[in-house]
């Protein structure tokens, strides 16, 4: 099957116009990627890692220095018009649209850039305004909108053309919890409703990448350090999963060492609250049910349960050597 996006040794170098203005910067260094149709693909990386440069090349806003990039089967250098017909792009924190026009007027104008028939465009606009709770704001000028409302309008602009492939560059940057959730929910619903669609998402938020993405590429200094599913990436970190139970009425702590998949365990008693904290280091998470059954069989009441396992942040720090900036 033809991939939605493919890059081959993609490189982008920025050279100063004058020698005194700075040094050569390699924003992308021989990047090889293959993103399948129907994927929600994420790119994680610190500031200056090359994420935005990658999206600008794929969306035909920037030419590569060397290497190749194909979007929907078209060369981004030779077939840029064919690429542009099939894509759209949304960036977080951008000031989009014309402040003197209303929300509906802005969206209709952008739809006409893609040659969408007015009846179809208006139907899509109404549907998306309703989805994002902006119907009542449709006749208001863009300059009067809040940051969250403006970004919702930007997202609608990106999807109103019904593109095959959408590039999302930090789409929830600076949004409050509710606005960010509305954007994330829409992205997931949009791609699930038609598996021929594809999303390429860059984000600073580990939780967002873990929750949304089928696969994630971690990039730093213009190089892809790893690319896999979130669960497989987490397996790269050699960390044991731990299970912590706070229990009341535990008289004995014997017999746990016979449970298969359990590495070790310890206990800490809190005399003041009359509870015991049990900490289990697991080799195999399938033993959790056996541990819980054993505690209950001892006549104890479980007050709280917490499982700790490797996160995407652990993977990121291992590969990059630092957290997101």
C-alpha atoms as a PDB file:
ATOM      1  CA  UNK A   1       0.000   0.000   0.000  1.00  0.00           C
ATOM      2  CA  UNK A   2       1.230   3.462  -0.857  1.00  0.00           C
ATOM      3  CA  UNK A   3       2.121   5.373   2.327  1.00  0.00           C
ATOM      4  CA  UNK A   4       0.442   8.654   3.169  1.00  0.00           C
ATOM      5  CA  UNK A   5       3.821  10.245   3.874  1.00  0.00           C
ATOM      6  CA  UNK A   6       7.313   9.035   3.085  1.00  0.00           C
ATOM      7  CA  UNK A   7      10.705  10.696   3.454  1.00  0.00           C
ATOM      8  CA  UNK A   8      14.029   9.383   2.216  1.00  0.00           C
ATOM      9  CA  UNK A   9      17.240  10.834   3.671  1.00  0.00           C
ATOM     10  CA  UNK A  10      15.399  14.138   4.045  1.00  0.00           C
ATOM     11  CA  UNK A  11      17.808  16.910   4.991  1.00  0.00           C
ATOM     12  CA  UNK A  12      17.359  20.620   5.523  1.00  0.00           C
ATOM     13  CA  UNK A  13      20.296  22.929   6.185  1.00  0.00           C
ATOM     14  CA  UNK A  14      19.973  26.626   6.986  1.00  0.00           C
ATOM     15  CA  UNK A  15      22.956  28.713   5.940  1.00  0.00           C
ATOM     16  CA  UNK A  16      23.476  32.300   7.114  1.00  0.00           C
ATOM     17  CA  UNK A  17      23.310  34.945   4.401  1.00  0.00           C
ATOM     18  CA  UNK A  18      26.551  36.379   5.706  1.00  0.00           C
ATOM     19  CA  UNK A  19      29.365  34.602   7.521  1.00  0.00           C
ATOM     20  CA  UNK A  20      29.141  36.970  10.474  1.00  0.00           C
ATOM     21  CA  UNK A  21      25.450  36.228  11.029  1.00  0.00           C
ATOM     22  CA  UNK A  22      25.991  32.781  12.531  1.00  0.00           C
ATOM     23  CA  UNK A  23      26.845  29.191  11.757  1.00  0.00           C
ATOM     24  CA  UNK A  24      25.232  26.576   9.534  1.00  0.00           C
ATOM     25  CA  UNK A  25      22.272  24.837  11.185  1.00  0.00           C
ATOM     26  CA  UNK A  26      21.165  21.335  10.180  1.00  0.00           C
ATOM     27  CA  UNK A  27      17.468  21.276  11.053  1.00  0.00           C
ATOM     28  CA  UNK A  28      16.847  17.821   9.540  1.00  0.00           C
ATOM     29  CA  UNK A  29      19.552  15.218   9.115  1.00  0.00           C
ATOM     30  CA  UNK A  30      18.794  12.287   6.775  1.00  0.00           C
ATOM     31  CA  UNK A  31      15.292  11.655   8.111  1.00  0.00           C
ATOM     32  CA  UNK A  32      13.608   8.441   6.935  1.00  0.00           C
ATOM     33  CA  UNK A  33       9.916   8.101   7.757  1.00  0.00           C
ATOM     34  CA  UNK A  34       7.018   6.064   6.461  1.00  0.00           C
ATOM     35  CA  UNK A  35       3.538   7.001   7.686  1.00  0.00           C
ATOM     36  CA  UNK A  36       0.689   4.731   6.638  1.00  0.00           C
ATOM     37  CA  UNK A  37      -2.790   5.783   5.580  1.00  0.00           C
ATOM     38  CA  UNK A  38      -5.142   5.819   8.525  1.00  0.00           C
ATOM     39  CA  UNK A  39      -2.421   6.490  11.075  1.00  0.00           C
ATOM     40  CA  UNK A  40      -2.416   9.153  13.726  1.00  0.00           C
ATOM     41  CA  UNK A  41       1.339   9.627  13.787  1.00  0.00           C
ATOM     42  CA  UNK A  42       3.114  11.720  16.403  1.00  0.00           C
ATOM     43  CA  UNK A  43       6.452  13.497  16.448  1.00  0.00           C
ATOM     44  CA  UNK A  44       7.958  14.335  19.844  1.00  0.00           C
ATOM     45  CA  UNK A  45      10.994  16.521  20.304  1.00  0.00           C
ATOM     46  CA  UNK A  46      12.367  19.508  22.227  1.00  0.00           C
ATOM     47  CA  UNK A  47      12.411  23.035  20.830  1.00  0.00           C
ATOM     48  CA  UNK A  48      14.676  23.236  17.795  1.00  0.00           C
ATOM     49  CA  UNK A  49      14.599  19.491  17.183  1.00  0.00           C
ATOM     50  CA  UNK A  50      13.280  19.844  13.620  1.00  0.00           C
ATOM     51  CA  UNK A  51       9.571  19.125  14.077  1.00  0.00           C
ATOM     52  CA  UNK A  52       8.236  22.295  12.493  1.00  0.00           C
ATOM     53  CA  UNK A  53      10.817  22.171   9.692  1.00  0.00           C
ATOM     54  CA  UNK A  54       9.619  18.665   8.846  1.00  0.00           C
ATOM     55  CA  UNK A  55       5.987  19.804   8.674  1.00  0.00           C
ATOM     56  CA  UNK A  56       6.862  22.842   6.559  1.00  0.00           C
ATOM     57  CA  UNK A  57       8.621  20.655   4.004  1.00  0.00           C
ATOM     58  CA  UNK A  58       5.776  18.140   3.881  1.00  0.00           C
ATOM     59  CA  UNK A  59       3.248  20.950   3.449  1.00  0.00           C
ATOM     60  CA  UNK A  60       5.348  22.494   0.604  1.00  0.00           C
ATOM     61  CA  UNK A  61       6.146  25.661   2.557  1.00  0.00           C
ATOM     62  CA  UNK A  62       9.869  24.890   2.597  1.00  0.00           C
ATOM     63  CA  UNK A  63      12.162  23.070   0.199  1.00  0.00           C
ATOM     64  CA  UNK A  64      14.526  20.329   1.392  1.00  0.00           C
ATOM     65  CA  UNK A  65      18.253  20.768   0.937  1.00  0.00           C
ATOM     66  CA  UNK A  66      18.568  17.132  -0.128  1.00  0.00           C
ATOM     67  CA  UNK A  67      16.648  13.879   0.037  1.00  0.00           C
ATOM     68  CA  UNK A  68      13.071  13.201  -0.968  1.00  0.00           C
ATOM     69  CA  UNK A  69       9.623  13.686   0.553  1.00  0.00           C
ATOM     70  CA  UNK A  70       6.362  12.288  -0.787  1.00  0.00           C
ATOM     71  CA  UNK A  71       2.863  13.161   0.399  1.00  0.00           C
ATOM     72  CA  UNK A  72      -0.090  11.106  -0.910  1.00  0.00           C
ATOM     73  CA  UNK A  73       2.372   9.704  -3.445  1.00  0.00           C
ATOM     74  CA  UNK A  74       3.390  13.117  -4.799  1.00  0.00           C
ATOM     75  CA  UNK A  75       6.844  14.674  -4.684  1.00  0.00           C
ATOM     76  CA  UNK A  76       6.703  17.825  -2.514  1.00  0.00           C
ATOM     77  CA  UNK A  77       9.157  19.593  -4.838  1.00  0.00           C
ATOM     78  CA  UNK A  78       7.869  18.568  -8.262  1.00  0.00           C
ATOM     79  CA  UNK A  79       4.157  18.105  -7.555  1.00  0.00           C
ATOM     80  CA  UNK A  80       3.461  20.787  -4.959  1.00  0.00           C
ATOM     81  CA  UNK A  81       0.026  21.691  -6.374  1.00  0.00           C
ATOM     82  CA  UNK A  82      -1.097  18.050  -6.218  1.00  0.00           C
ATOM     83  CA  UNK A  83       0.138  17.882  -2.636  1.00  0.00           C
ATOM     84  CA  UNK A  84      -1.626  21.101  -1.602  1.00  0.00           C
ATOM     85  CA  UNK A  85      -4.983  19.863  -2.901  1.00  0.00           C
ATOM     86  CA  UNK A  86      -4.848  16.923  -0.504  1.00  0.00           C
ATOM     87  CA  UNK A  87      -3.524  18.448   2.717  1.00  0.00           C
ATOM     88  CA  UNK A  88      -4.143  21.092   5.309  1.00  0.00           C
ATOM     89  CA  UNK A  89      -2.162  22.363   8.266  1.00  0.00           C
ATOM     90  CA  UNK A  90      -3.007  23.808  11.678  1.00  0.00           C
ATOM     91  CA  UNK A  91      -0.470  25.376  14.037  1.00  0.00           C
ATOM     92  CA  UNK A  92      -1.028  26.097  17.703  1.00  0.00           C
ATOM     93  CA  UNK A  93      -0.772  29.680  18.881  1.00  0.00           C
ATOM     94  CA  UNK A  94      -1.067  31.100  15.375  1.00  0.00           C
ATOM     95  CA  UNK A  95      -3.097  34.204  14.607  1.00  0.00           C
ATOM     96  CA  UNK A  96      -5.219  33.023  11.727  1.00  0.00           C
ATOM     97  CA  UNK A  97      -7.946  34.686   9.759  1.00  0.00           C
ATOM     98  CA  UNK A  98      -8.933  38.272   9.175  1.00  0.00           C
ATOM     99  CA  UNK A  99     -10.030  40.118  12.289  1.00  0.00           C
ATOM    100  CA  UNK A 100     -12.532  42.301  10.452  1.00  0.00           C
ATOM    101  CA  UNK A 101     -14.393  39.257   9.111  1.00  0.00           C
ATOM    102  CA  UNK A 102     -16.739  37.084  11.131  1.00  0.00           C
ATOM    103  CA  UNK A 103     -15.935  33.481  12.048  1.00  0.00           C
ATOM    104  CA  UNK A 104     -18.260  32.123   9.354  1.00  0.00           C
ATOM    105  CA  UNK A 105     -16.897  34.528   6.725  1.00  0.00           C
ATOM    106  CA  UNK A 106     -13.328  33.475   7.483  1.00  0.00           C
ATOM    107  CA  UNK A 107     -14.133  29.782   7.241  1.00  0.00           C
ATOM    108  CA  UNK A 108     -16.098  30.216   4.028  1.00  0.00           C
ATOM    109  CA  UNK A 109     -13.231  32.213   2.502  1.00  0.00           C
ATOM    110  CA  UNK A 110     -10.692  29.484   3.320  1.00  0.00           C
ATOM    111  CA  UNK A 111     -13.003  26.828   1.866  1.00  0.00           C
ATOM    112  CA  UNK A 112     -13.132  28.764  -1.403  1.00  0.00           C
ATOM    113  CA  UNK A 113      -9.340  28.701  -1.680  1.00  0.00           C
ATOM    114  CA  UNK A 114      -9.784  24.940  -2.189  1.00  0.00           C
ATOM    115  CA  UNK A 115     -12.619  25.322  -4.682  1.00  0.00           C
ATOM    116  CA  UNK A 116     -15.287  23.740  -2.502  1.00  0.00           C
ATOM    117  CA  UNK A 117     -18.836  24.413  -3.703  1.00  0.00           C
ATOM    118  CA  UNK A 118     -20.612  26.951  -1.506  1.00  0.00           C
ATOM    119  CA  UNK A 119     -23.467  24.627  -0.504  1.00  0.00           C
ATOM    120  CA  UNK A 120     -21.055  21.893   0.569  1.00  0.00           C
ATOM    121  CA  UNK A 121     -18.745  24.375   2.301  1.00  0.00           C
ATOM    122  CA  UNK A 122     -21.582  25.942   4.282  1.00  0.00           C
ATOM    123  CA  UNK A 123     -22.858  22.536   5.390  1.00  0.00           C
ATOM    124  CA  UNK A 124     -19.394  21.546   6.640  1.00  0.00           C
ATOM    125  CA  UNK A 125     -18.931  24.889   8.380  1.00  0.00           C
ATOM    126  CA  UNK A 126     -22.223  24.578  10.251  1.00  0.00           C
ATOM    127  CA  UNK A 127     -21.438  21.014  11.292  1.00  0.00           C
ATOM    128  CA  UNK A 128     -17.984  21.898  12.604  1.00  0.00           C
ATOM    129  CA  UNK A 129     -19.133  25.065  14.350  1.00  0.00           C
ATOM    130  CA  UNK A 130     -21.660  22.929  16.194  1.00  0.00           C
ATOM    131  CA  UNK A 131     -19.070  20.300  17.062  1.00  0.00           C
ATOM    132  CA  UNK A 132     -16.780  22.909  18.636  1.00  0.00           C
ATOM    133  CA  UNK A 133     -19.519  24.914  20.327  1.00  0.00           C
ATOM    134  CA  UNK A 134     -18.957  27.984  18.166  1.00  0.00           C
ATOM    135  CA  UNK A 135     -22.365  28.260  16.510  1.00  0.00           C
ATOM    136  CA  UNK A 136     -23.278  31.273  18.635  1.00  0.00           C
ATOM    137  CA  UNK A 137     -19.952  32.907  17.704  1.00  0.00           C
ATOM    138  CA  UNK A 138     -20.400  32.426  13.943  1.00  0.00           C
ATOM    139  CA  UNK A 139     -21.441  36.026  13.302  1.00  0.00           C
ATOM    140  CA  UNK A 140     -18.845  37.580  15.610  1.00  0.00           C
ATOM    141  CA  UNK A 141     -15.649  39.114  14.286  1.00  0.00           C
ATOM    142  CA  UNK A 142     -12.543  36.994  14.799  1.00  0.00           C
ATOM    143  CA  UNK A 143     -10.744  39.748  16.707  1.00  0.00           C
ATOM    144  CA  UNK A 144     -13.325  39.475  19.510  1.00  0.00           C
ATOM    145  CA  UNK A 145     -12.696  35.762  20.150  1.00  0.00           C
ATOM    146  CA  UNK A 146     -10.780  34.367  23.089  1.00  0.00           C
ATOM    147  CA  UNK A 147      -7.552  32.431  22.509  1.00  0.00           C
ATOM    148  CA  UNK A 148      -9.343  29.099  22.878  1.00  0.00           C
ATOM    149  CA  UNK A 149     -12.172  30.093  20.537  1.00  0.00           C
ATOM    150  CA  UNK A 150      -9.726  31.358  17.917  1.00  0.00           C
ATOM    151  CA  UNK A 151      -7.772  28.104  18.030  1.00  0.00           C
ATOM    152  CA  UNK A 152     -10.979  26.105  17.652  1.00  0.00           C
ATOM    153  CA  UNK A 153     -11.716  28.171  14.556  1.00  0.00           C
ATOM    154  CA  UNK A 154      -8.204  27.409  13.280  1.00  0.00           C
ATOM    155  CA  UNK A 155      -8.856  23.697  13.715  1.00  0.00           C
ATOM    156  CA  UNK A 156     -12.154  23.997  11.845  1.00  0.00           C
ATOM    157  CA  UNK A 157     -10.330  25.830   9.052  1.00  0.00           C
ATOM    158  CA  UNK A 158      -7.897  22.919   8.800  1.00  0.00           C
ATOM    159  CA  UNK A 159     -10.615  20.298   8.509  1.00  0.00           C
ATOM    160  CA  UNK A 160     -13.357  22.127   6.603  1.00  0.00           C
ATOM    161  CA  UNK A 161     -11.638  21.286   3.304  1.00  0.00           C
ATOM    162  CA  UNK A 162     -11.939  17.548   4.102  1.00  0.00           C
ATOM    163  CA  UNK A 163      -8.243  16.860   3.440  1.00  0.00           C
ATOM    164  CA  UNK A 164      -6.677  13.430   3.044  1.00  0.00           C
ATOM    165  CA  UNK A 165      -3.770  14.369   5.299  1.00  0.00           C
ATOM    166  CA  UNK A 166      -3.667  16.946   8.084  1.00  0.00           C
ATOM    167  CA  UNK A 167      -0.490  18.310   9.652  1.00  0.00           C
ATOM    168  CA  UNK A 168      -1.033  19.516  13.208  1.00  0.00           C
ATOM    169  CA  UNK A 169       1.812  21.515  14.748  1.00  0.00           C
ATOM    170  CA  UNK A 170       1.199  21.843  18.505  1.00  0.00           C
ATOM    171  CA  UNK A 171      -2.587  22.249  17.973  1.00  0.00           C
ATOM    172  CA  UNK A 172      -3.416  22.448  21.702  1.00  0.00           C
ATOM    173  CA  UNK A 173      -0.592  24.816  22.655  1.00  0.00           C
ATOM    174  CA  UNK A 174      -1.770  27.300  25.272  1.00  0.00           C
ATOM    175  CA  UNK A 175      -5.335  25.989  25.413  1.00  0.00           C
ATOM    176  CA  UNK A 176      -7.245  25.392  28.622  1.00  0.00           C
ATOM    177  CA  UNK A 177      -8.185  21.852  29.607  1.00  0.00           C
ATOM    178  CA  UNK A 178     -11.666  21.899  28.063  1.00  0.00           C
ATOM    179  CA  UNK A 179     -10.581  23.438  24.750  1.00  0.00           C
ATOM    180  CA  UNK A 180      -7.649  21.027  24.448  1.00  0.00           C
ATOM    181  CA  UNK A 181      -9.919  18.065  25.138  1.00  0.00           C
ATOM    182  CA  UNK A 182     -12.397  19.227  22.484  1.00  0.00           C
ATOM    183  CA  UNK A 183      -9.588  19.408  19.911  1.00  0.00           C
ATOM    184  CA  UNK A 184      -8.185  15.986  20.838  1.00  0.00           C
ATOM    185  CA  UNK A 185     -11.593  14.301  20.800  1.00  0.00           C
ATOM    186  CA  UNK A 186     -12.358  15.735  17.377  1.00  0.00           C
ATOM    187  CA  UNK A 187      -9.020  14.573  15.915  1.00  0.00           C
ATOM    188  CA  UNK A 188      -9.623  11.008  17.101  1.00  0.00           C
ATOM    189  CA  UNK A 189     -13.218  10.935  15.824  1.00  0.00           C
ATOM    190  CA  UNK A 190     -12.202  12.426  12.466  1.00  0.00           C
ATOM    191  CA  UNK A 191      -9.585   9.788  11.698  1.00  0.00           C
ATOM    192  CA  UNK A 192     -11.618   6.867  13.054  1.00  0.00           C
ATOM    193  CA  UNK A 193     -14.587   7.765  10.865  1.00  0.00           C
ATOM    194  CA  UNK A 194     -12.521   7.255   7.695  1.00  0.00           C
ATOM    195  CA  UNK A 195      -9.360   5.162   7.795  1.00  0.00           C
ATOM    196  CA  UNK A 196      -8.132   6.624   4.510  1.00  0.00           C
ATOM    197  CA  UNK A 197      -7.388   9.832   6.423  1.00  0.00           C
ATOM    198  CA  UNK A 198      -4.047  10.509   8.065  1.00  0.00           C
ATOM    199  CA  UNK A 199      -2.853  12.887  10.780  1.00  0.00           C
ATOM    200  CA  UNK A 200       0.722  13.919  11.516  1.00  0.00           C
ATOM    201  CA  UNK A 201       0.869  15.559  14.935  1.00  0.00           C
ATOM    202  CA  UNK A 202       3.740  17.368  16.638  1.00  0.00           C
ATOM    203  CA  UNK A 203       3.277  18.038  20.324  1.00  0.00           C
ATOM    204  CA  UNK A 204       5.108  18.958  23.512  1.00  0.00           C
ATOM    205  CA  UNK A 205       2.631  17.040  25.641  1.00  0.00           C
ATOM    206  CA  UNK A 206       3.641  13.463  26.464  1.00  0.00           C
ATOM    207  CA  UNK A 207       0.149  12.562  27.634  1.00  0.00           C
ATOM    208  CA  UNK A 208      -1.335  13.849  24.401  1.00  0.00           C
ATOM    209  CA  UNK A 209       1.051  11.777  22.280  1.00  0.00           C
ATOM    210  CA  UNK A 210       0.503   8.664  24.397  1.00  0.00           C
ATOM    211  CA  UNK A 211      -3.283   9.028  24.315  1.00  0.00           C
ATOM    212  CA  UNK A 212      -3.714   9.853  20.634  1.00  0.00           C
ATOM    213  CA  UNK A 213      -0.946   8.360  18.523  1.00  0.00           C
ATOM    214  CA  UNK A 214      -0.709   4.962  16.841  1.00  0.00           C
ATOM    215  CA  UNK A 215       3.042   5.454  16.447  1.00  0.00           C
ATOM    216  CA  UNK A 216       5.487   8.091  17.635  1.00  0.00           C
ATOM    217  CA  UNK A 217       8.841   9.266  16.294  1.00  0.00           C
ATOM    218  CA  UNK A 218      11.201  10.903  18.774  1.00  0.00           C
ATOM    219  CA  UNK A 219      13.418  13.509  17.122  1.00  0.00           C
ATOM    220  CA  UNK A 220      16.357  15.555  18.382  1.00  0.00           C
ATOM    221  CA  UNK A 221      18.970  17.612  16.542  1.00  0.00           C
ATOM    222  CA  UNK A 222      17.216  16.794  13.283  1.00  0.00           C
ATOM    223  CA  UNK A 223      17.587  13.017  13.676  1.00  0.00           C
ATOM    224  CA  UNK A 224      14.982  10.337  14.361  1.00  0.00           C
ATOM    225  CA  UNK A 225      16.119   8.547  17.512  1.00  0.00           C
ATOM    226  CA  UNK A 226      13.271   6.030  17.712  1.00  0.00           C
ATOM    227  CA  UNK A 227       9.961   5.273  16.018  1.00  0.00           C
ATOM    228  CA  UNK A 228       7.390   2.801  17.303  1.00  0.00           C
ATOM    229  CA  UNK A 229       4.067   2.419  19.093  1.00  0.00           C
ATOM    230  CA  UNK A 230       3.819   4.087  22.527  1.00  0.00           C
ATOM    231  CA  UNK A 231       3.756   0.691  24.269  1.00  0.00           C
ATOM    232  CA  UNK A 232       6.830  -0.580  22.407  1.00  0.00           C
ATOM    233  CA  UNK A 233       8.712   2.631  23.097  1.00  0.00           C
ATOM    234  CA  UNK A 234       8.039   2.226  26.816  1.00  0.00           C
ATOM    235  CA  UNK A 235       9.524  -1.256  26.702  1.00  0.00           C
ATOM    236  CA  UNK A 236      12.841   0.324  25.743  1.00  0.00           C
ATOM    237  CA  UNK A 237      13.165   1.599  29.302  1.00  0.00           C
ATOM    238  CA  UNK A 238      14.401  -1.089  31.665  1.00  0.00           C
ATOM    239  CA  UNK A 239      12.152  -0.198  34.551  1.00  0.00           C
ATOM    240  CA  UNK A 240      10.158  -2.628  36.642  1.00  0.00           C
ATOM    241  CA  UNK A 241       6.480  -2.009  37.154  1.00  0.00           C
ATOM    242  CA  UNK A 242       5.618  -1.437  40.801  1.00  0.00           C
ATOM    243  CA  UNK A 243       2.319  -1.999  42.566  1.00  0.00           C
ATOM    244  CA  UNK A 244       1.648  -0.133  45.808  1.00  0.00           C
ATOM    245  CA  UNK A 245      -1.263  -1.084  48.052  1.00  0.00           C
ATOM    246  CA  UNK A 246      -2.468   0.678  51.176  1.00  0.00           C
ATOM    247  CA  UNK A 247      -4.358  -1.879  53.253  1.00  0.00           C
ATOM    248  CA  UNK A 248      -6.122  -1.999  56.607  1.00  0.00           C
ATOM    249  CA  UNK A 249      -6.287  -5.000  58.913  1.00  0.00           C
ATOM    250  CA  UNK A 250      -3.318  -6.917  57.520  1.00  0.00           C
ATOM    251  CA  UNK A 251      -1.983  -9.356  60.097  1.00  0.00           C
ATOM    252  CA  UNK A 252       0.452 -11.376  58.008  1.00  0.00           C
ATOM    253  CA  UNK A 253       2.681 -10.753  55.016  1.00  0.00           C
ATOM    254  CA  UNK A 254       3.611 -14.333  54.339  1.00  0.00           C
ATOM    255  CA  UNK A 255       3.090 -16.336  51.173  1.00  0.00           C
ATOM    256  CA  UNK A 256       3.634 -13.579  48.602  1.00  0.00           C
ATOM    257  CA  UNK A 257       6.981 -15.061  47.556  1.00  0.00           C
ATOM    258  CA  UNK A 258       5.160 -18.026  46.001  1.00  0.00           C
ATOM    259  CA  UNK A 259       3.355 -15.815  43.479  1.00  0.00           C
ATOM    260  CA  UNK A 260       4.698 -16.234  39.947  1.00  0.00           C
ATOM    261  CA  UNK A 261       5.867 -13.012  38.275  1.00  0.00           C
ATOM    262  CA  UNK A 262       6.634 -11.201  41.532  1.00  0.00           C
ATOM    263  CA  UNK A 263      10.221  -9.955  41.870  1.00  0.00           C
ATOM    264  CA  UNK A 264      10.168  -8.650  45.447  1.00  0.00           C
ATOM    265  CA  UNK A 265       7.944  -7.008  48.024  1.00  0.00           C
ATOM    266  CA  UNK A 266       8.182  -4.908  51.167  1.00  0.00           C
ATOM    267  CA  UNK A 267       5.905  -3.406  53.792  1.00  0.00           C
ATOM    268  CA  UNK A 268       5.731  -0.214  55.817  1.00  0.00           C
ATOM    269  CA  UNK A 269       3.331   0.109  58.757  1.00  0.00           C
ATOM    270  CA  UNK A 270       1.648   3.367  59.672  1.00  0.00           C
ATOM    271  CA  UNK A 271       0.650   2.994  63.310  1.00  0.00           C
ATOM    272  CA  UNK A 272      -1.222   6.290  63.418  1.00  0.00           C
ATOM    273  CA  UNK A 273      -3.615   5.377  60.563  1.00  0.00           C
ATOM    274  CA  UNK A 274      -3.560   1.641  61.314  1.00  0.00           C
ATOM    275  CA  UNK A 275      -2.698   0.859  57.715  1.00  0.00           C
ATOM    276  CA  UNK A 276       0.099  -1.001  55.983  1.00  0.00           C
ATOM    277  CA  UNK A 277       1.710   0.058  52.730  1.00  0.00           C
ATOM    278  CA  UNK A 278       2.744  -2.902  50.579  1.00  0.00           C
ATOM    279  CA  UNK A 279       5.112  -2.352  47.664  1.00  0.00           C
ATOM    280  CA  UNK A 280       5.510  -5.081  45.037  1.00  0.00           C
ATOM    281  CA  UNK A 281       8.089  -5.058  42.237  1.00  0.00           C
ATOM    282  CA  UNK A 282       6.639  -6.975  39.298  1.00  0.00           C
ATOM    283  CA  UNK A 283       8.341  -8.969  36.577  1.00  0.00           C
ATOM    284  CA  UNK A 284       5.003  -9.841  34.976  1.00  0.00           C
ATOM    285  CA  UNK A 285       1.895  -7.678  35.418  1.00  0.00           C
ATOM    286  CA  UNK A 286      -0.348 -10.739  35.196  1.00  0.00           C
ATOM    287  CA  UNK A 287       0.407 -11.423  38.865  1.00  0.00           C
ATOM    288  CA  UNK A 288      -1.509  -8.331  40.034  1.00  0.00           C
ATOM    289  CA  UNK A 289      -4.760 -10.293  40.412  1.00  0.00           C
ATOM    290  CA  UNK A 290      -2.981 -12.951  42.493  1.00  0.00           C
ATOM    291  CA  UNK A 291      -1.540 -10.275  44.800  1.00  0.00           C
ATOM    292  CA  UNK A 292      -4.935  -8.627  45.304  1.00  0.00           C
ATOM    293  CA  UNK A 293      -6.593 -12.009  45.931  1.00  0.00           C
ATOM    294  CA  UNK A 294      -3.964 -12.891  48.520  1.00  0.00           C
ATOM    295  CA  UNK A 295      -4.436  -9.598  50.394  1.00  0.00           C
ATOM    296  CA  UNK A 296      -8.232 -10.016  50.439  1.00  0.00           C
ATOM    297  CA  UNK A 297      -7.905 -13.652  51.535  1.00  0.00           C
ATOM    298  CA  UNK A 298      -5.954 -12.438  54.581  1.00  0.00           C
ATOM    299  CA  UNK A 299      -9.039 -10.491  55.624  1.00  0.00           C
ATOM    300  CA  UNK A 300      -7.542  -7.108  54.749  1.00  0.00           C
ATOM    301  CA  UNK A 301      -9.325  -4.162  53.169  1.00  0.00           C
ATOM    302  CA  UNK A 302      -7.603  -2.410  50.269  1.00  0.00           C
ATOM    303  CA  UNK A 303      -7.758   1.350  50.855  1.00  0.00           C
ATOM    304  CA  UNK A 304      -5.856   2.399  47.717  1.00  0.00           C
ATOM    305  CA  UNK A 305      -3.986   0.863  44.794  1.00  0.00           C
ATOM    306  CA  UNK A 306      -1.406   2.480  42.542  1.00  0.00           C
ATOM    307  CA  UNK A 307       0.589   0.997  39.658  1.00  0.00           C
ATOM    308  CA  UNK A 308       3.705   2.722  38.385  1.00  0.00           C
ATOM    309  CA  UNK A 309       5.224   1.836  35.025  1.00  0.00           C
ATOM    310  CA  UNK A 310       7.576   3.418  32.472  1.00  0.00           C
ATOM    311  CA  UNK A 311       6.192   6.486  30.692  1.00  0.00           C
ATOM    312  CA  UNK A 312       6.908   8.185  27.397  1.00  0.00           C
ATOM    313  CA  UNK A 313       8.754  10.828  29.380  1.00  0.00           C
ATOM    314  CA  UNK A 314      11.120   8.131  30.703  1.00  0.00           C
ATOM    315  CA  UNK A 315      11.750   7.011  27.118  1.00  0.00           C
ATOM    316  CA  UNK A 316      12.266  10.588  25.959  1.00  0.00           C
ATOM    317  CA  UNK A 317      14.775  11.395  28.680  1.00  0.00           C
ATOM    318  CA  UNK A 318      16.646   8.153  28.014  1.00  0.00           C
ATOM    319  CA  UNK A 319      16.998   8.939  24.295  1.00  0.00           C
ATOM    320  CA  UNK A 320      17.392  12.703  24.350  1.00  0.00           C
ATOM    321  CA  UNK A 321      19.145  13.089  27.670  1.00  0.00           C
ATOM    322  CA  UNK A 322      16.760  15.785  28.918  1.00  0.00           C
ATOM    323  CA  UNK A 323      13.075  16.540  29.218  1.00  0.00           C
ATOM    324  CA  UNK A 324      11.013  18.695  26.904  1.00  0.00           C
ATOM    325  CA  UNK A 325      11.938  22.362  27.114  1.00  0.00           C
END
